[in-house]
Amino acid sequence: MKINAAATQLHTSAWTLRYYEEIGVLAPVARISGMRDYQPADLARIREILDLRACGVTLDEIKRFLRLDSSADQRQLLATQAADLRDQITELTATLGRLETKIATLPERRLVANGAD
């Protein structure tokens, strides 16, 4: 499958696929007459990468994840990501609470047209 067809099927861009290959997140894809030829295994790997990105895992962490030999090590990396995400949720929840308090405690103001009540 050519790059544009693969990108369309994966709901991403050809640029993204080239970039992932360029930075080493994705292994070089086999080529036919100089053009990338994506195989089912390539598409499965890209789906995994895109899913990890959607979960907030950085590209550097994805590179590490894909190079880890054991499921236990991969699980630990993802558990760390999950803990970081829980911390962010806690912080965002507190921030939202403060914002909602500010909204609720703002005084009502009447609009005055042409300086008259």
C-alpha atoms as a PDB file:
ATOM      1  CA  MET A   1       0.000   0.000   0.000  1.00  0.00           C
ATOM      2  CA  LYS A   2       1.368   3.425  -0.917  1.00  0.00           C
ATOM      3  CA  ILE A   3       1.888   6.140   1.654  1.00  0.00           C
ATOM      4  CA  ASN A   4      -1.187   8.236   0.816  1.00  0.00           C
ATOM      5  CA  ALA A   5      -3.475   5.201   0.982  1.00  0.00           C
ATOM      6  CA  ALA A   6      -1.895   4.139   4.275  1.00  0.00           C
ATOM      7  CA  ALA A   7      -2.246   7.649   5.702  1.00  0.00           C
ATOM      8  CA  THR A   8      -5.909   7.790   4.688  1.00  0.00           C
ATOM      9  CA  GLN A   9      -6.630   4.371   6.187  1.00  0.00           C
ATOM     10  CA  LEU A  10      -4.873   5.359   9.419  1.00  0.00           C
ATOM     11  CA  HIS A  11      -6.516   8.812   9.616  1.00  0.00           C
ATOM     12  CA  THR A  12      -3.180  10.596   9.654  1.00  0.00           C
ATOM     13  CA  SER A  13      -0.985  12.344   7.117  1.00  0.00           C
ATOM     14  CA  ALA A  14       1.727  11.111   4.794  1.00  0.00           C
ATOM     15  CA  TRP A  15       3.956  13.753   6.401  1.00  0.00           C
ATOM     16  CA  THR A  16       3.429  12.126   9.809  1.00  0.00           C
ATOM     17  CA  LEU A  17       4.359   8.698   8.475  1.00  0.00           C
ATOM     18  CA  ARG A  18       7.536  10.074   6.860  1.00  0.00           C
ATOM     19  CA  TYR A  19       8.401  11.961  10.046  1.00  0.00           C
ATOM     20  CA  TYR A  20       7.969   8.887  12.261  1.00  0.00           C
ATOM     21  CA  GLU A  21      10.298   6.987   9.963  1.00  0.00           C
ATOM     22  CA  GLU A  22      12.793   9.866   9.837  1.00  0.00           C
ATOM     23  CA  ILE A  23      13.098  10.147  13.630  1.00  0.00           C
ATOM     24  CA  GLY A  24      13.220   6.402  14.181  1.00  0.00           C
ATOM     25  CA  VAL A  25       9.848   5.851  15.817  1.00  0.00           C
ATOM     26  CA  LEU A  26       8.906   3.716  12.827  1.00  0.00           C
ATOM     27  CA  ALA A  27      11.376   1.334  11.213  1.00  0.00           C
ATOM     28  CA  PRO A  28      12.134   2.087   7.565  1.00  0.00           C
ATOM     29  CA  VAL A  29       9.333   0.795   5.380  1.00  0.00           C
ATOM     30  CA  ALA A  30      10.191  -1.477   2.450  1.00  0.00           C
ATOM     31  CA  ARG A  31      10.232   0.268  -0.881  1.00  0.00           C
ATOM     32  CA  ILE A  32       9.262  -0.782  -4.370  1.00  0.00           C
ATOM     33  CA  SER A  33      10.778   1.372  -7.124  1.00  0.00           C
ATOM     34  CA  GLY A  34      11.715   3.888  -4.438  1.00  0.00           C
ATOM     35  CA  MET A  35       8.174   4.232  -3.085  1.00  0.00           C
ATOM     36  CA  ARG A  36       7.154   3.068   0.386  1.00  0.00           C
ATOM     37  CA  ASP A  37       5.087  -0.113   0.345  1.00  0.00           C
ATOM     38  CA  TYR A  38       3.199  -0.462   3.630  1.00  0.00           C
ATOM     39  CA  GLN A  39       2.407  -4.018   4.684  1.00  0.00           C
ATOM     40  CA  PRO A  40      -0.187  -5.123   7.277  1.00  0.00           C
ATOM     41  CA  ALA A  41       2.553  -5.393   9.938  1.00  0.00           C
ATOM     42  CA  ASP A  42       3.609  -1.789   9.216  1.00  0.00           C
ATOM     43  CA  LEU A  43       0.020  -0.603   9.544  1.00  0.00           C
ATOM     44  CA  ALA A  44      -0.393  -2.474  12.839  1.00  0.00           C
ATOM     45  CA  ARG A  45       2.769  -0.858  14.231  1.00  0.00           C
ATOM     46  CA  ILE A  46       1.624   2.596  13.096  1.00  0.00           C
ATOM     47  CA  ARG A  47      -1.787   2.057  14.743  1.00  0.00           C
ATOM     48  CA  GLU A  48       0.027   1.227  17.970  1.00  0.00           C
ATOM     49  CA  ILE A  49       2.152   4.377  17.669  1.00  0.00           C
ATOM     50  CA  LEU A  50      -0.865   6.566  16.915  1.00  0.00           C
ATOM     51  CA  ASP A  51      -2.774   5.073  19.852  1.00  0.00           C
ATOM     52  CA  LEU A  52       0.123   5.770  22.210  1.00  0.00           C
ATOM     53  CA  ARG A  53       0.307   9.362  20.913  1.00  0.00           C
ATOM     54  CA  ALA A  54      -3.437   9.753  21.491  1.00  0.00           C
ATOM     55  CA  CYS A  55      -2.796   8.637  25.086  1.00  0.00           C
ATOM     56  CA  GLY A  56      -0.299  11.471  25.516  1.00  0.00           C
ATOM     57  CA  VAL A  57       2.854   9.377  25.259  1.00  0.00           C
ATOM     58  CA  THR A  58       5.699  11.418  23.783  1.00  0.00           C
ATOM     59  CA  LEU A  59       7.558  10.285  20.690  1.00  0.00           C
ATOM     60  CA  ASP A  60      10.721   9.706  22.743  1.00  0.00           C
ATOM     61  CA  GLU A  61       8.761   7.533  25.179  1.00  0.00           C
ATOM     62  CA  ILE A  62       7.222   5.639  22.258  1.00  0.00           C
ATOM     63  CA  LYS A  63      10.699   4.931  20.893  1.00  0.00           C
ATOM     64  CA  ARG A  64      11.694   3.563  24.303  1.00  0.00           C
ATOM     65  CA  PHE A  65       8.454   1.579  24.593  1.00  0.00           C
ATOM     66  CA  LEU A  66       8.940  -0.096  21.216  1.00  0.00           C
ATOM     67  CA  ARG A  67      12.553  -0.986  22.007  1.00  0.00           C
ATOM     68  CA  LEU A  68      11.739  -2.611  25.352  1.00  0.00           C
ATOM     69  CA  ASP A  69      11.968  -6.386  25.270  1.00  0.00           C
ATOM     70  CA  SER A  70       9.648  -7.287  28.111  1.00  0.00           C
ATOM     71  CA  SER A  71       5.973  -6.644  28.646  1.00  0.00           C
ATOM     72  CA  ALA A  72       6.778  -5.848  32.269  1.00  0.00           C
ATOM     73  CA  ASP A  73       9.049  -2.978  31.207  1.00  0.00           C
ATOM     74  CA  GLN A  74       6.451  -1.730  28.725  1.00  0.00           C
ATOM     75  CA  ARG A  75       3.778  -1.961  31.414  1.00  0.00           C
ATOM     76  CA  GLN A  76       5.958   0.092  33.795  1.00  0.00           C
ATOM     77  CA  LEU A  77       6.490   2.823  31.194  1.00  0.00           C
ATOM     78  CA  LEU A  78       2.739   3.019  30.555  1.00  0.00           C
ATOM     79  CA  ALA A  79       1.981   2.965  34.292  1.00  0.00           C
ATOM     80  CA  THR A  80       4.258   5.992  34.708  1.00  0.00           C
ATOM     81  CA  GLN A  81       2.372   7.736  31.896  1.00  0.00           C
ATOM     82  CA  ALA A  82      -0.943   6.889  33.583  1.00  0.00           C
ATOM     83  CA  ALA A  83       0.284   8.293  36.911  1.00  0.00           C
ATOM     84  CA  ASP A  84       1.374  11.519  35.196  1.00  0.00           C
ATOM     85  CA  LEU A  85      -2.029  11.777  33.552  1.00  0.00           C
ATOM     86  CA  ARG A  86      -3.796  11.270  36.896  1.00  0.00           C
ATOM     87  CA  ASP A  87      -1.702  14.106  38.354  1.00  0.00           C
ATOM     88  CA  GLN A  88      -2.704  16.367  35.461  1.00  0.00           C
ATOM     89  CA  ILE A  89      -6.377  15.471  35.945  1.00  0.00           C
ATOM     90  CA  THR A  90      -6.140  16.324  39.652  1.00  0.00           C
ATOM     91  CA  GLU A  91      -4.529  19.664  38.848  1.00  0.00           C
ATOM     92  CA  LEU A  92      -7.057  20.474  36.119  1.00  0.00           C
ATOM     93  CA  THR A  93      -9.960  19.530  38.399  1.00  0.00           C
ATOM     94  CA  ALA A  94      -8.680  21.921  41.070  1.00  0.00           C
ATOM     95  CA  THR A  95      -8.194  24.662  38.477  1.00  0.00           C
ATOM     96  CA  LEU A  96     -11.718  24.130  37.164  1.00  0.00           C
ATOM     97  CA  GLY A  97     -13.093  24.381  40.701  1.00  0.00           C
ATOM     98  CA  ARG A  98     -11.323  27.707  41.258  1.00  0.00           C
ATOM     99  CA  LEU A  99     -12.623  29.025  37.943  1.00  0.00           C
ATOM    100  CA  GLU A 100     -16.190  27.945  38.708  1.00  0.00           C
ATOM    101  CA  THR A 101     -15.955  29.669  42.109  1.00  0.00           C
ATOM    102  CA  LYS A 102     -14.827  32.890  40.432  1.00  0.00           C
ATOM    103  CA  ILE A 103     -17.715  32.679  37.961  1.00  0.00           C
ATOM    104  CA  ALA A 104     -20.244  32.068  40.735  1.00  0.00           C
ATOM    105  CA  THR A 105     -18.986  34.920  42.912  1.00  0.00           C
ATOM    106  CA  LEU A 106     -18.770  37.642  40.266  1.00  0.00           C
ATOM    107  CA  PRO A 107     -21.198  40.448  41.056  1.00  0.00           C
ATOM    108  CA  GLU A 108     -24.084  41.033  38.655  1.00  0.00           C
ATOM    109  CA  ARG A 109     -23.717  44.226  36.643  1.00  0.00           C
ATOM    110  CA  ARG A 110     -26.447  46.079  34.863  1.00  0.00           C
ATOM    111  CA  LEU A 111     -25.719  47.449  31.465  1.00  0.00           C
ATOM    112  CA  VAL A 112     -26.379  51.152  31.236  1.00  0.00           C
ATOM    113  CA  ALA A 113     -27.474  52.463  27.842  1.00  0.00           C
ATOM    114  CA  ASN A 114     -26.475  56.034  26.966  1.00  0.00           C
ATOM    115  CA  GLY A 115     -25.572  56.789  30.560  1.00  0.00           C
ATOM    116  CA  ALA A 116     -29.178  56.435  31.776  1.00  0.00           C
ATOM    117  CA  ASP A 117     -30.628  53.721  33.975  1.00  0.00           C
END
